[in-house]
Every structure is written in C-alpha cells, then in structure tokens.
Protein backbone atom coordinates (compact mmCIF):
# COMPACT_ATOMS: atom_id res chain seq x y z
CA UNK A 1 0.04 0.00 0.16
CA UNK A 2 0.99 3.22 -0.92
CA UNK A 3 2.64 6.31 1.75
CA UNK A 4 0.34 8.87 1.95
CA UNK A 5 2.05 12.43 2.11
CA UNK A 6 1.65 15.84 3.63
CA UNK A 7 2.99 18.91 2.07
CA UNK A 8 3.64 21.23 4.95
CA UNK A 9 4.43 25.41 3.90
CA UNK A 10 5.52 28.26 6.22
CA UNK A 11 4.24 31.36 4.53
CA UNK A 12 3.79 35.59 5.73
CA UNK A 13 2.77 38.12 3.18
CA UNK A 14 3.68 35.66 0.24
CA UNK A 15 0.55 36.69 -1.81
CA UNK A 16 2.67 37.19 -5.11
CA UNK A 17 3.77 33.03 -4.89
CA UNK A 18 2.11 31.33 -2.91
CA UNK A 19 -0.46 30.18 -5.43
CA UNK A 20 2.03 29.08 -7.78
CA UNK A 21 3.75 27.17 -5.09
CA UNK A 22 0.21 25.41 -3.82
CA UNK A 23 -0.99 24.50 -7.95
CA UNK A 24 2.25 22.63 -7.57
CA UNK A 25 1.74 20.33 -4.55
CA UNK A 26 -2.36 20.08 -5.59
CA UNK A 27 -1.38 15.89 -6.15
CA UNK A 28 -0.79 15.78 -2.46
CA UNK A 29 -2.48 13.75 -0.14
CA UNK A 30 -2.56 16.86 2.25
CA UNK A 31 -1.21 20.14 2.41
CA UNK A 32 -0.78 22.12 5.44
CA UNK A 33 0.05 26.20 5.90
CA UNK A 34 1.44 28.11 8.78
CA UNK A 35 0.57 31.76 8.18
CA UNK A 36 2.82 34.00 10.73
CA UNK A 37 -0.29 36.61 10.69
CA UNK A 38 -0.22 37.88 7.12
CA UNK A 39 -1.52 41.19 6.30
CA UNK A 40 -2.19 40.43 2.65
CA UNK A 41 -3.77 37.93 0.77
CA UNK A 42 -1.98 34.66 1.93
CA UNK A 43 -4.09 33.03 4.44
CA UNK A 44 -7.11 33.73 1.71
CA UNK A 45 -5.56 32.33 -1.12
CA UNK A 46 -4.24 29.44 1.13
CA UNK A 47 -7.81 28.58 1.97
CA UNK A 48 -8.53 28.07 -1.87
CA UNK A 49 -6.58 24.80 -1.70
CA UNK A 50 -6.65 23.33 1.66
CA UNK A 51 -8.90 23.72 4.76
CA UNK A 52 -5.52 22.89 7.11
CA UNK A 53 -4.54 26.78 7.39
CA UNK A 54 -3.45 27.47 10.78
CA UNK A 55 -2.22 31.24 12.12
CA UNK A 56 0.84 30.86 14.53
CA UNK A 57 3.29 33.80 15.39
CA UNK A 58 6.53 33.81 14.32
CA UNK A 59 9.01 31.50 15.93
CA UNK A 60 11.82 31.17 13.99
CA UNK A 61 12.27 29.09 10.58
CA UNK A 62 12.76 25.98 12.10
CA UNK A 63 10.70 25.77 15.16
CA UNK A 64 7.96 27.21 12.33
CA UNK A 65 8.45 24.60 10.14
CA UNK A 66 8.38 21.74 13.25
CA UNK A 67 5.06 22.75 14.19
CA UNK A 68 3.84 22.62 10.36
CA UNK A 69 5.12 19.16 10.37
CA UNK A 70 3.12 18.30 14.19
CA UNK A 71 -0.09 19.53 12.83
CA UNK A 72 -0.31 17.39 9.40
CA UNK A 73 -1.95 13.96 9.38
CA UNK A 74 1.03 11.35 7.69
CA UNK A 75 4.07 10.33 8.80
CA UNK A 76 5.72 11.29 5.10
CA UNK A 77 6.06 14.94 4.83
CA UNK A 78 7.63 17.28 2.11
CA UNK A 79 8.71 20.64 3.02
CA UNK A 80 8.49 23.66 0.34
CA UNK A 81 8.69 27.05 0.94
CA UNK A 82 6.26 29.46 -0.71
CA UNK A 83 8.76 30.65 -3.54
CA UNK A 84 9.73 27.02 -4.36
CA UNK A 85 7.19 24.61 -6.80
CA UNK A 86 7.78 21.49 -7.26
CA UNK A 87 8.22 20.69 -10.74
CA UNK A 88 5.64 17.78 -12.57
CA UNK A 89 8.77 15.40 -12.60
CA UNK A 90 9.61 15.73 -8.94
CA UNK A 91 5.82 14.99 -7.96
CA UNK A 92 5.91 12.10 -10.16
CA UNK A 93 9.59 10.51 -8.54
CA UNK A 94 7.96 11.49 -5.28
CA UNK A 95 4.56 9.32 -6.10
CA UNK A 96 6.61 6.86 -7.56
CA UNK A 97 8.74 6.51 -4.51
CA UNK A 98 5.37 6.12 -2.29
CA UNK A 99 4.46 3.49 -4.02
CA UNK A 100 7.32 1.44 -3.15
CA UNK A 101 9.27 0.78 -0.02
CA UNK A 102 11.59 4.10 0.94
CA UNK A 103 14.87 2.91 1.86
CA UNK A 104 15.89 6.36 3.61
CA UNK A 105 14.49 7.90 6.25
CA UNK A 106 15.21 11.27 4.42
CA UNK A 107 15.99 12.22 1.05
CA UNK A 108 17.53 15.42 -0.95
CA UNK A 109 16.04 16.93 -3.88
CA UNK A 110 18.19 19.26 -6.28
CA UNK A 111 16.90 22.72 -6.87
CA UNK A 112 16.86 25.02 -9.35
CA UNK A 113 17.57 28.91 -8.14
CA UNK A 114 15.87 31.45 -10.02
CA UNK A 115 17.38 35.11 -9.85
CA UNK A 116 14.37 37.02 -11.58
CA UNK A 117 13.63 34.93 -14.35
CA UNK A 118 17.28 33.58 -15.17
CA UNK A 119 18.12 30.02 -13.42
CA UNK A 120 21.53 30.50 -11.95
CA UNK A 121 23.42 27.53 -12.78
CA UNK A 122 27.05 28.08 -11.56
CA UNK A 123 28.49 29.45 -8.31
CA UNK A 124 27.23 26.55 -6.28
CA UNK A 125 23.66 27.29 -7.15
CA UNK A 126 22.74 24.31 -8.97
CA UNK A 127 22.16 21.58 -7.97
CA UNK A 128 21.99 22.34 -4.68
CA UNK A 129 20.66 19.51 -2.98
CA UNK A 130 18.50 20.02 0.05
CA UNK A 131 16.71 18.09 2.16
CA UNK A 132 13.03 18.34 2.00
CA UNK A 133 11.55 14.81 1.98
CA UNK A 134 11.44 13.25 5.06
CA UNK A 135 9.34 10.55 7.92
CA UNK A 136 9.02 12.63 10.67
CA UNK A 137 8.67 10.17 13.29
CA UNK A 138 12.70 9.84 12.64
CA UNK A 139 13.59 13.28 11.62
CA UNK A 140 12.65 17.17 12.35
CA UNK A 141 14.08 20.87 11.78
CA UNK A 142 16.80 21.64 13.97
CA UNK A 143 15.33 25.25 15.48
CA UNK A 144 18.18 27.37 14.40
CA UNK A 145 17.01 31.37 13.77
CA UNK A 146 18.32 31.11 10.53
CA UNK A 147 19.54 27.97 8.18
CA UNK A 148 17.97 25.25 9.34
CA UNK A 149 18.25 21.47 8.49
CA UNK A 150 16.53 18.38 8.64
CA UNK A 151 18.37 16.13 11.31
CA UNK A 152 19.61 13.63 12.25
CA UNK A 153 20.91 14.01 8.13
CA UNK A 154 23.14 10.70 8.56
CA UNK A 155 21.21 8.52 6.31
CA UNK A 156 19.26 9.75 3.28
CA UNK A 157 18.79 9.28 -0.64
CA UNK A 158 18.90 11.59 -3.46
CA UNK A 159 15.96 12.85 -5.78
CA UNK A 160 16.74 13.13 -9.77
CA UNK A 161 13.64 15.94 -10.47
CA UNK A 162 14.36 19.49 -9.08
CA UNK A 163 12.51 21.73 -7.01
CA UNK A 164 12.37 25.19 -8.68
CA UNK A 165 13.00 28.19 -6.69
CA UNK A 166 11.79 31.49 -7.14
CA UNK A 167 13.53 33.42 -4.18
CA UNK A 168 14.68 36.73 -5.61
CA UNK A 169 13.26 39.62 -7.77
CA UNK A 170 16.29 41.38 -8.32
CA UNK A 171 19.51 42.83 -6.68
CA UNK A 172 18.09 45.08 -4.42
CA UNK A 173 15.73 42.20 -2.62
CA UNK A 174 18.92 39.71 -2.68
CA UNK A 175 21.10 42.60 -0.56
CA UNK A 176 17.90 43.49 1.69
CA UNK A 177 17.44 39.65 2.42
CA UNK A 178 21.39 39.29 2.56
CA UNK A 179 21.28 41.62 5.77
CA UNK A 180 18.27 40.59 7.08
CA UNK A 181 19.83 36.71 7.00
CA UNK A 182 23.44 37.73 8.43
CA UNK A 183 21.57 39.67 11.26
CA UNK A 184 19.60 36.03 12.12
CA UNK A 185 22.99 34.28 11.47
CA UNK A 186 24.59 36.42 14.10
CA UNK A 187 22.06 36.32 16.41
CA UNK A 188 22.28 32.33 16.45
CA UNK A 189 25.94 32.43 16.81
CA UNK A 190 25.79 34.86 19.71
CA UNK A 191 23.21 32.98 21.32
CA UNK A 192 25.65 29.90 20.93
CA UNK A 193 28.26 32.03 22.96
CA UNK A 194 30.45 32.46 19.69
CA UNK A 195 32.36 36.25 18.78
CA UNK A 196 33.91 36.63 15.53
CA UNK A 197 37.86 37.13 15.49
CA UNK A 198 39.91 40.01 13.67
CA UNK A 199 41.09 36.98 11.43
CA UNK A 200 37.21 35.87 10.95
CA UNK A 201 36.79 38.99 9.46
CA UNK A 202 39.92 39.68 7.17
CA UNK A 203 40.17 36.20 5.72
CA UNK A 204 36.74 34.64 5.56
CA UNK A 205 34.95 36.94 3.00
CA UNK A 206 37.35 37.09 0.52
CA UNK A 207 37.27 33.12 1.10
CA UNK A 208 33.78 33.41 0.05
CA UNK A 209 34.14 35.60 -2.71
CA UNK A 210 37.11 32.86 -3.99
CA UNK A 211 34.99 29.92 -3.15
CA UNK A 212 31.92 31.17 -5.02
CA UNK A 213 33.46 32.97 -8.22
CA UNK A 214 36.72 30.75 -8.59
CA UNK A 215 36.06 27.10 -7.25
CA UNK A 216 32.36 26.89 -7.96
CA UNK A 217 32.70 28.71 -11.87
CA UNK A 218 30.57 31.35 -11.05
CA UNK A 219 32.83 33.55 -13.45
CA UNK A 220 30.43 31.76 -16.04
CA UNK A 221 27.28 33.73 -15.45
CA UNK A 222 29.09 36.71 -16.34
CA UNK A 223 28.51 40.13 -14.44
CA UNK A 224 25.41 38.44 -12.43
CA UNK A 225 28.09 35.64 -11.02
CA UNK A 226 30.75 38.41 -10.08
CA UNK A 227 27.96 39.96 -7.86
CA UNK A 228 26.88 37.10 -6.51
CA UNK A 229 30.12 36.23 -5.46
CA UNK A 230 30.93 39.74 -3.89
CA UNK A 231 27.60 39.55 -1.87
CA UNK A 232 28.59 36.57 -0.41
CA UNK A 233 31.77 37.98 0.50
CA UNK A 234 29.65 41.12 2.21
CA UNK A 235 27.18 38.38 3.67
CA UNK A 236 30.31 36.30 5.42
CA UNK A 237 31.45 39.80 6.63
CA UNK A 238 28.27 41.10 8.02
CA UNK A 239 27.13 37.57 9.58
CA UNK A 240 30.78 37.49 11.68
CA UNK A 241 30.54 41.92 12.32
CA UNK A 242 27.22 41.53 14.09
CA UNK A 243 28.90 39.20 16.64
CA UNK A 244 30.58 41.68 17.90
CA UNK A 245 30.26 44.75 20.15
CA UNK A 246 30.76 48.59 19.37
C-alpha cells in the first residue's frame, strides 16, 4: 500500500508567490500551511487549496516548520517554501517512491535557483541539493533562527528531479535579504556564545568570494556571477561583524 504524504508550507505575506506554489502540490494527500499572521491575501489564497491553514506567531524558521509538521496527518512530509515550485517530474518521482518501500528516512532534492527569471547554474547555485522529503517520526528540523536543517541527516537518499526556487526578484531584493539573514545568523551565533575574531573578519569574506567565483565557477554567469560572489563575501563579513560589540 502506497504511503500518503503531507506537504507543509510556512508563509508570511506571500500573496505574490503562494498560489504558484500551491498549484504545484495539488496532487498531495494533504497540504498544511502555517501563516505568520500575514496582512496581505496569503491566508485567503491558501484556504482556496486547503482547510488546514493555521495562524501562528513567528517562532523562527526551524520551529515554525516543526509546528507545521506536527499539525500534519501523515508520517511522510514534503517541506517546500512559498517561493518554491514542485516540478511535474519531481511530483511523479515522489509518488513513484511512495508506491514502493522507502529505503531512507530522508531524501534530498536538487534545486533550480532563479534570480529574477534567470536560472543560475554555477557558483554553487545548482544542483544545490537540499533535504525536503522526510519521515517525521524519525526526522525534524533544527530550531535555528536561520539556515535550519533536517536532523539527523546521517542516512539519506537522492531524488533526481528538481525543485524550482524563485527566490530573488532583483539585486535590491537580494541585498536586503542578505542583510536580514546575516542578522539572524549573527544572533544565532551569539546565542551559542560565539564572537568573531579579527581573523574571521579579514580572511573569511575573501575566501567566500574565491570559493563561489573561482572554485564553483561563478564567473561563468558573467556579471551576475561576480555580483553574487561579492554579495557572498559581504554577507560573510556582516554575519561575523554583527556578533561583535561596538
């Protein structure tokens, strides 16, 4: 007998993206959405696709996703973000997997990241394998403020078909989010008792640029690749600098 699956989504003010996301998972046995009290049409749009829409105050990415999983009915869960789309090929691959005995408690999927309308293929942006399909009786999200991950991640399989990620509208949107994410990363680091050293501030940013632009061939993306590598360097600097007191 095939396993059933719940798709879980956390959202906040995502009326521009959420319908495209929900359309791509209509095949699932269940869709569960946690809305962080959006003040746009996000909740209204979600209710057109599922009755399992809950409003929950913001608890951080990891905790919010775990709350969403707790409200789902099935042990197999597919987590996707509001700005992501499950390709038809990935949907078919997941359904085929659920029709058979699953070998692993966790599966990673390749992700196609878009910058505006452009698919970024170099600089570490593809295939960007990310853990998203999991057995919630064995796996859960770490409850970091940012860059949460599914744990334990010692045993996992890979899917072949892509998840499509329409994350950044333009350069201004990218820079604004890097600033916000670096603040969350610094808060998490500080909460863990860490403070950046001068060597972190001097060495890590250029290493981030070198890794993305040269080792991961970001230069093949032209000016966009250069912009992304510079931004990665700046994000790294901010992430460490924000742990220090002025």
